[in-house]
Amino acid sequence: MSGTAGTAGGARAGARVLRTAAGAALGAVAARAAYTALTRRPPGLNGTPGAQVWGRTNHRGEPVTLLEGPAFAAGAAVGGLLAPGLGAGPGGRMRAAALLAGVGSGVLGGYDDLTGSGASRGFKGHLGALARGEVTSGAVKILGIGATGLAAAAVAGSPAPSRTGRAFDTLVNGALVAGGANLMNLFDLRPGRAIKVGVLTGTPLALTSAGSAVVAAPLGAAAALLPEDLAERAMLGDTGANALGALLGLAATRLGRGPRLAVLAAVAGLNAASEKVSFTKVIRETPVLHRVDMLGRRPVPAPAAVPPQAAPIADDASAADAV
């Protein structure tokens, strides 16, 4: 009897792996197709040419396009709609929730990409401006993604037997979606970083029976666009990073209540820490994180040497200090 149960369990696990692989492949194909179409004819806005609308300058001062973000959101949405593993009933609700979370967060991120000035940053900056009566694009995005997260959680539903339990789950799950969306955006500061974080955190979710179908297409779409990101031709921007984080947050809502609360605590803690701590600095100063962060990236140019006459050696400095 136990052998039969083990065989059945193995068959279910094998089928889940196949469904996850199929969903990832669909997301990858859709994302590459969307990226090719968008970059071939970048959509303009109010008479402004598309290349100018979506063009930005990266951390090296080189031109990149933000169209990777819309391509990711489109690939994740199409792949998620076509991916196997989410049928009728609860599965159908989860598919609708994924579409809402990914597209809704992506659209709000796109709004910030195209209209944001950068004058206010972080929760403190945007909400502080809002308290002064100034509505920034970031504040619109923060409030909008919060509402999107709650709506996606409500659509997905909760298996809790009581009304109070379902309400609690909706609040927790909504916070996971919104918090994940904002947190992923904080990592999109160097080539490939946000996608690497997404793949590293999403892969364990893909191995769970509940979260695999939700996260398969986004992981495939992200992996398909990683070469463009690492080559510094494109970046996710708020559009892609918010969508990726929201979908990972939604996948985490399928965990048990204890693990969900632990994940939410970690997400909330990192979001709060970002107001005081530079993630880039922490990654650069942590050898293991730095190696992963630089994997596949172009080397960072060494700082220009300072001419000796421009940096005189103090009387108490040794020769080693001057090197």
Protein backbone atom coordinates (compact mmCIF):
# COMPACT_ATOMS: atom_id res chain seq x y z
CA MET A 1 0.00 0.00 0.00
CA SER A 2 2.81 2.36 0.95
CA GLY A 3 4.56 1.50 -2.32
CA THR A 4 1.46 2.41 -4.27
CA ALA A 5 1.17 5.71 -2.38
CA GLY A 6 4.83 6.43 -3.03
CA THR A 7 4.42 5.73 -6.73
CA ALA A 8 1.37 7.98 -6.91
CA GLY A 9 3.23 10.73 -5.07
CA GLY A 10 6.16 10.42 -7.43
CA ALA A 11 3.85 10.60 -10.43
CA ARG A 12 2.21 13.75 -9.07
CA ALA A 13 5.60 15.35 -8.45
CA GLY A 14 6.73 14.45 -11.96
CA ALA A 15 3.57 15.90 -13.46
CA ARG A 16 4.08 19.09 -11.43
CA VAL A 17 7.63 19.44 -12.75
CA LEU A 18 6.38 19.03 -16.32
CA ARG A 19 3.63 21.61 -15.79
CA THR A 20 6.10 24.04 -14.26
CA ALA A 21 8.53 23.56 -17.15
CA ALA A 22 5.72 24.07 -19.66
CA GLY A 23 4.58 27.26 -17.93
CA ALA A 24 8.15 28.58 -17.81
CA ALA A 25 8.63 27.82 -21.51
CA LEU A 26 5.40 29.61 -22.41
CA GLY A 27 6.41 32.65 -20.36
CA ALA A 28 9.87 32.70 -21.96
CA VAL A 29 8.56 32.50 -25.53
CA ALA A 30 5.92 35.16 -24.90
CA ALA A 31 8.40 37.53 -23.24
CA ARG A 32 10.97 37.21 -26.05
CA ALA A 33 8.27 37.76 -28.68
CA ALA A 34 6.98 40.83 -26.83
CA TYR A 35 10.49 42.25 -26.40
CA THR A 36 11.28 41.79 -30.10
CA ALA A 37 8.03 43.47 -31.15
CA LEU A 38 8.35 46.36 -28.69
CA THR A 39 11.97 47.17 -29.45
CA ARG A 40 11.41 46.93 -33.19
CA ARG A 41 8.76 49.66 -33.00
CA PRO A 42 8.90 51.33 -29.56
CA PRO A 43 5.50 52.84 -28.71
CA GLY A 44 5.53 56.62 -28.52
CA LEU A 45 3.52 58.83 -26.19
CA ASN A 46 1.78 62.16 -26.94
CA GLY A 47 3.82 62.66 -30.08
CA THR A 48 7.14 61.80 -28.43
CA PRO A 49 9.11 59.09 -30.31
CA GLY A 50 9.12 55.71 -28.59
CA ALA A 51 12.91 55.51 -28.33
CA GLN A 52 12.87 58.74 -26.33
CA VAL A 53 9.89 57.71 -24.19
CA TRP A 54 11.46 54.43 -23.09
CA GLY A 55 15.15 55.37 -23.27
CA ARG A 56 17.10 55.91 -20.06
CA THR A 57 20.73 56.20 -18.90
CA ASN A 58 22.08 53.43 -16.68
CA HIS A 59 24.58 53.51 -13.81
CA ARG A 60 27.48 53.71 -16.30
CA GLY A 61 25.94 56.65 -18.11
CA GLU A 62 25.08 54.43 -21.10
CA PRO A 63 21.70 54.28 -22.92
CA VAL A 64 19.28 51.44 -22.09
CA THR A 65 15.62 50.81 -22.82
CA LEU A 66 12.86 50.26 -20.27
CA LEU A 67 10.92 48.09 -22.72
CA GLU A 68 12.18 44.97 -20.97
CA GLY A 69 9.60 45.74 -18.27
CA PRO A 70 6.52 45.73 -20.52
CA ALA A 71 7.91 42.67 -22.32
CA PHE A 72 8.22 40.84 -19.00
CA ALA A 73 4.72 41.82 -17.87
CA ALA A 74 3.25 40.70 -21.20
CA GLY A 75 5.18 37.42 -21.19
CA ALA A 76 4.19 36.61 -17.61
CA ALA A 77 0.53 37.43 -18.35
CA VAL A 78 0.30 35.40 -21.57
CA GLY A 79 2.30 32.52 -20.14
CA GLY A 80 0.19 32.53 -16.99
CA LEU A 81 -3.05 32.43 -18.96
CA LEU A 82 -1.86 29.50 -21.08
CA ALA A 83 0.14 27.59 -18.47
CA PRO A 84 -1.27 24.25 -17.29
CA GLY A 85 -1.91 23.51 -13.64
CA LEU A 86 -4.58 26.09 -12.83
CA GLY A 87 -7.98 24.74 -13.79
CA ALA A 88 -11.46 25.75 -12.72
CA GLY A 89 -12.52 26.60 -9.17
CA PRO A 90 -9.65 27.73 -6.89
CA GLY A 91 -7.17 27.32 -9.72
CA GLY A 92 -9.19 29.60 -11.97
CA ARG A 93 -9.39 32.22 -9.25
CA MET A 94 -5.63 32.04 -8.77
CA ARG A 95 -5.07 32.49 -12.50
CA ALA A 96 -7.30 35.61 -12.42
CA ALA A 97 -5.47 36.86 -9.32
CA ALA A 98 -2.09 36.41 -11.04
CA LEU A 99 -3.29 38.37 -14.07
CA LEU A 100 -4.55 41.16 -11.81
CA ALA A 101 -1.42 41.27 -9.65
CA GLY A 102 1.06 41.16 -12.54
CA VAL A 103 -0.69 43.46 -14.98
CA GLY A 104 -1.97 45.87 -12.30
CA SER A 105 1.44 46.27 -10.65
CA GLY A 106 3.11 46.52 -14.04
CA VAL A 107 0.78 49.28 -15.24
CA LEU A 108 1.29 51.27 -12.04
CA GLY A 109 5.04 50.78 -12.32
CA GLY A 110 4.89 51.93 -15.93
CA TYR A 111 3.06 55.06 -14.85
CA ASP A 112 5.91 55.84 -12.45
CA ASP A 113 8.52 54.97 -15.11
CA LEU A 114 7.05 57.44 -17.57
CA THR A 115 5.96 60.27 -15.27
CA GLY A 116 8.17 60.03 -12.17
CA SER A 117 10.60 62.87 -11.54
CA GLY A 118 12.80 61.21 -8.90
CA ALA A 119 12.43 64.22 -6.60
CA SER A 120 10.95 62.03 -3.83
CA ARG A 121 12.19 58.52 -3.07
CA GLY A 122 11.09 55.66 -0.82
CA PHE A 123 7.97 55.34 1.28
CA LYS A 124 9.07 58.18 3.52
CA GLY A 125 9.69 60.57 0.64
CA HIS A 126 6.48 59.86 -1.28
CA LEU A 127 4.17 59.66 1.72
CA GLY A 128 5.82 62.75 3.22
CA ALA A 129 5.11 64.63 0.00
CA LEU A 130 1.53 63.35 0.10
CA ALA A 131 1.15 64.67 3.65
CA ARG A 132 2.21 68.09 2.36
CA GLY A 133 -0.49 67.93 -0.30
CA GLU A 134 1.83 66.91 -3.16
CA VAL A 135 0.69 63.82 -5.07
CA THR A 136 3.78 62.22 -6.59
CA SER A 137 3.73 59.41 -9.15
CA GLY A 138 5.42 57.26 -6.52
CA ALA A 139 2.60 57.87 -4.05
CA VAL A 140 0.05 56.92 -6.70
CA LYS A 141 2.02 53.75 -7.34
CA ILE A 142 2.37 52.86 -3.64
CA LEU A 143 -1.33 53.30 -2.93
CA GLY A 144 -2.34 51.67 -6.22
CA ILE A 145 -0.17 48.62 -5.70
CA GLY A 146 -1.51 48.28 -2.16
CA ALA A 147 -5.05 48.24 -3.53
CA THR A 148 -4.02 45.85 -6.31
CA GLY A 149 -2.48 43.47 -3.79
CA LEU A 150 -5.65 43.41 -1.68
CA ALA A 151 -7.82 42.92 -4.76
CA ALA A 152 -5.65 40.05 -6.02
CA ALA A 153 -5.74 38.42 -2.58
CA ALA A 154 -9.53 38.75 -2.47
CA VAL A 155 -9.88 37.22 -5.94
CA ALA A 156 -7.57 34.31 -5.04
CA GLY A 157 -9.64 33.58 -1.96
CA SER A 158 -8.74 31.79 1.26
CA PRO A 159 -9.43 28.25 2.50
CA ALA A 160 -9.96 29.50 6.07
CA PRO A 161 -13.30 28.23 7.43
CA SER A 162 -14.31 31.42 9.27
CA ARG A 163 -15.02 34.91 7.98
CA THR A 164 -12.44 36.35 10.37
CA GLY A 165 -9.83 33.89 9.15
CA ARG A 166 -10.55 34.73 5.53
CA ALA A 167 -10.32 38.47 6.23
CA PHE A 168 -7.00 37.97 8.03
CA ASP A 169 -5.64 35.91 5.14
CA THR A 170 -6.71 38.56 2.63
CA LEU A 171 -4.85 41.28 4.55
CA VAL A 172 -1.71 39.15 4.91
CA ASN A 173 -1.81 38.00 1.29
CA GLY A 174 -2.46 41.50 0.00
CA ALA A 175 0.53 42.78 1.97
CA LEU A 176 2.69 40.01 0.50
CA VAL A 177 1.76 40.98 -3.05
CA ALA A 178 2.26 44.70 -2.50
CA GLY A 179 5.39 44.29 -0.37
CA GLY A 180 6.92 41.91 -2.88
CA ALA A 181 6.26 44.37 -5.71
CA ASN A 182 7.99 47.23 -3.91
CA LEU A 183 10.88 45.12 -2.65
CA MET A 184 11.79 43.76 -6.08
CA ASN A 185 11.94 47.29 -7.42
CA LEU A 186 14.59 48.12 -4.81
CA PHE A 187 16.90 45.51 -6.34
CA ASP A 188 16.58 46.81 -9.90
CA LEU A 189 19.62 49.08 -9.58
CA ARG A 190 22.28 47.00 -11.31
CA PRO A 191 22.20 44.76 -14.43
CA GLY A 192 20.48 41.44 -13.81
CA ARG A 193 20.17 41.91 -10.06
CA ALA A 194 16.37 41.95 -9.78
CA ILE A 195 16.00 38.94 -12.06
CA LYS A 196 18.62 36.99 -10.10
CA VAL A 197 16.81 37.78 -6.85
CA GLY A 198 13.54 36.75 -8.48
CA VAL A 199 14.91 33.44 -9.72
CA LEU A 200 16.62 32.62 -6.40
CA THR A 201 13.48 33.33 -4.37
CA GLY A 202 11.00 32.01 -6.92
CA THR A 203 12.62 28.63 -7.54
CA PRO A 204 11.75 27.24 -4.07
CA LEU A 205 8.16 28.42 -4.62
CA ALA A 206 8.14 26.63 -7.98
CA LEU A 207 8.94 23.39 -6.17
CA THR A 208 5.84 23.61 -3.96
CA SER A 209 2.64 22.02 -5.14
CA ALA A 210 0.58 25.19 -4.60
CA GLY A 211 2.91 27.92 -5.85
CA SER A 212 4.46 26.27 -8.91
CA ALA A 213 1.72 27.11 -11.41
CA VAL A 214 1.66 30.78 -10.35
CA VAL A 215 5.40 31.38 -10.52
CA ALA A 216 6.34 29.26 -13.57
CA ALA A 217 5.53 31.77 -16.32
CA PRO A 218 7.10 34.78 -14.52
CA LEU A 219 10.33 32.85 -13.91
CA GLY A 220 10.47 31.77 -17.54
CA ALA A 221 9.82 35.30 -18.76
CA ALA A 222 12.48 36.73 -16.45
CA ALA A 223 15.10 34.15 -17.44
CA ALA A 224 14.43 34.79 -21.14
CA LEU A 225 15.11 38.51 -20.70
CA LEU A 226 18.14 38.13 -18.42
CA PRO A 227 20.69 38.27 -21.30
CA GLU A 228 19.38 41.70 -22.35
CA ASP A 229 19.60 42.91 -18.75
CA LEU A 230 23.12 41.59 -18.14
CA ALA A 231 24.34 43.04 -21.45
CA GLU A 232 23.04 46.44 -20.28
CA ARG A 233 20.86 46.89 -23.30
CA ALA A 234 17.65 46.95 -21.26
CA MET A 235 16.31 47.03 -17.71
CA LEU A 236 13.11 45.96 -15.99
CA GLY A 237 12.31 49.39 -14.60
CA ASP A 238 9.36 49.79 -12.26
CA THR A 239 7.09 48.11 -14.81
CA GLY A 240 8.90 44.80 -14.80
CA ALA A 241 10.27 44.80 -11.25
CA ASN A 242 6.89 45.60 -9.68
CA ALA A 243 5.17 42.91 -11.76
CA LEU A 244 7.81 40.29 -10.94
CA GLY A 245 7.72 41.03 -7.21
CA ALA A 246 3.91 41.05 -7.09
CA LEU A 247 3.72 37.63 -8.77
CA LEU A 248 6.32 36.15 -6.43
CA GLY A 249 4.36 37.57 -3.50
CA LEU A 250 1.18 36.00 -4.85
CA ALA A 251 2.90 32.62 -5.18
CA ALA A 252 3.99 32.90 -1.54
CA THR A 253 0.33 33.29 -0.49
CA ARG A 254 -0.14 29.59 -1.22
CA LEU A 255 2.15 28.67 1.69
CA GLY A 256 0.78 27.74 5.09
CA ARG A 257 -0.09 30.54 7.49
CA GLY A 258 3.09 30.23 9.55
CA PRO A 259 5.50 30.34 6.59
CA ARG A 260 3.45 33.14 5.03
CA LEU A 261 3.80 35.28 8.14
CA ALA A 262 7.54 34.58 8.23
CA VAL A 263 7.90 35.63 4.58
CA LEU A 264 5.81 38.74 5.19
CA ALA A 265 8.00 39.68 8.17
CA ALA A 266 11.11 39.34 6.00
CA VAL A 267 9.59 41.36 3.14
CA ALA A 268 8.38 44.10 5.49
CA GLY A 269 11.73 44.19 7.28
CA LEU A 270 13.69 44.57 4.05
CA ASN A 271 11.34 47.28 2.79
CA ALA A 272 11.79 49.17 6.06
CA ALA A 273 15.57 48.68 6.05
CA SER A 274 15.82 50.14 2.56
CA GLU A 275 14.90 53.54 3.97
CA LYS A 276 18.20 53.59 5.91
CA VAL A 277 20.46 50.98 4.27
CA SER A 278 21.86 50.83 0.74
CA PHE A 279 21.30 47.33 -0.66
CA THR A 280 23.98 48.00 -3.28
CA LYS A 281 26.53 48.80 -0.58
CA VAL A 282 25.63 45.69 1.45
CA ILE A 283 25.89 43.47 -1.64
CA ARG A 284 29.19 45.02 -2.69
CA GLU A 285 30.71 44.51 0.77
CA THR A 286 29.49 40.89 1.19
CA PRO A 287 31.80 38.60 -0.85
CA VAL A 288 29.25 35.85 -1.62
CA LEU A 289 26.53 38.30 -2.58
CA HIS A 290 28.97 40.34 -4.63
CA ARG A 291 30.08 37.28 -6.63
CA VAL A 292 26.49 36.35 -7.41
CA ASP A 293 25.67 39.96 -8.26
CA MET A 294 28.59 40.19 -10.71
CA LEU A 295 27.91 36.81 -12.35
CA GLY A 296 27.44 37.43 -16.08
CA ARG A 297 27.90 41.18 -15.77
CA ARG A 298 30.45 43.40 -17.43
CA PRO A 299 33.35 44.24 -15.08
CA VAL A 300 33.02 47.43 -13.11
CA PRO A 301 35.68 49.88 -14.36
CA ALA A 302 38.38 50.69 -11.84
CA PRO A 303 38.36 54.27 -10.57
CA ALA A 304 40.80 56.57 -12.31
CA ALA A 305 44.15 56.95 -10.60
CA VAL A 306 44.58 60.19 -8.70
CA PRO A 307 47.72 62.11 -9.74
CA PRO A 308 50.26 62.21 -6.87
CA GLN A 309 50.33 66.01 -6.83
CA ALA A 310 46.54 66.08 -6.43
CA ALA A 311 46.68 63.89 -3.31
CA PRO A 312 49.63 64.94 -1.14
CA ILE A 313 50.71 62.47 1.52
CA ALA A 314 50.24 63.67 5.06
CA ASP A 315 53.31 63.85 7.26
CA ASP A 316 52.16 60.89 9.37
CA ALA A 317 51.20 58.66 6.43
CA SER A 318 53.31 55.68 5.46
CA ALA A 319 54.21 54.67 1.93
CA ALA A 320 51.66 51.83 2.12
CA ASP A 321 48.89 54.34 2.87
CA ALA A 322 49.71 56.21 -0.30
CA VAL A 323 49.47 53.21 -2.63
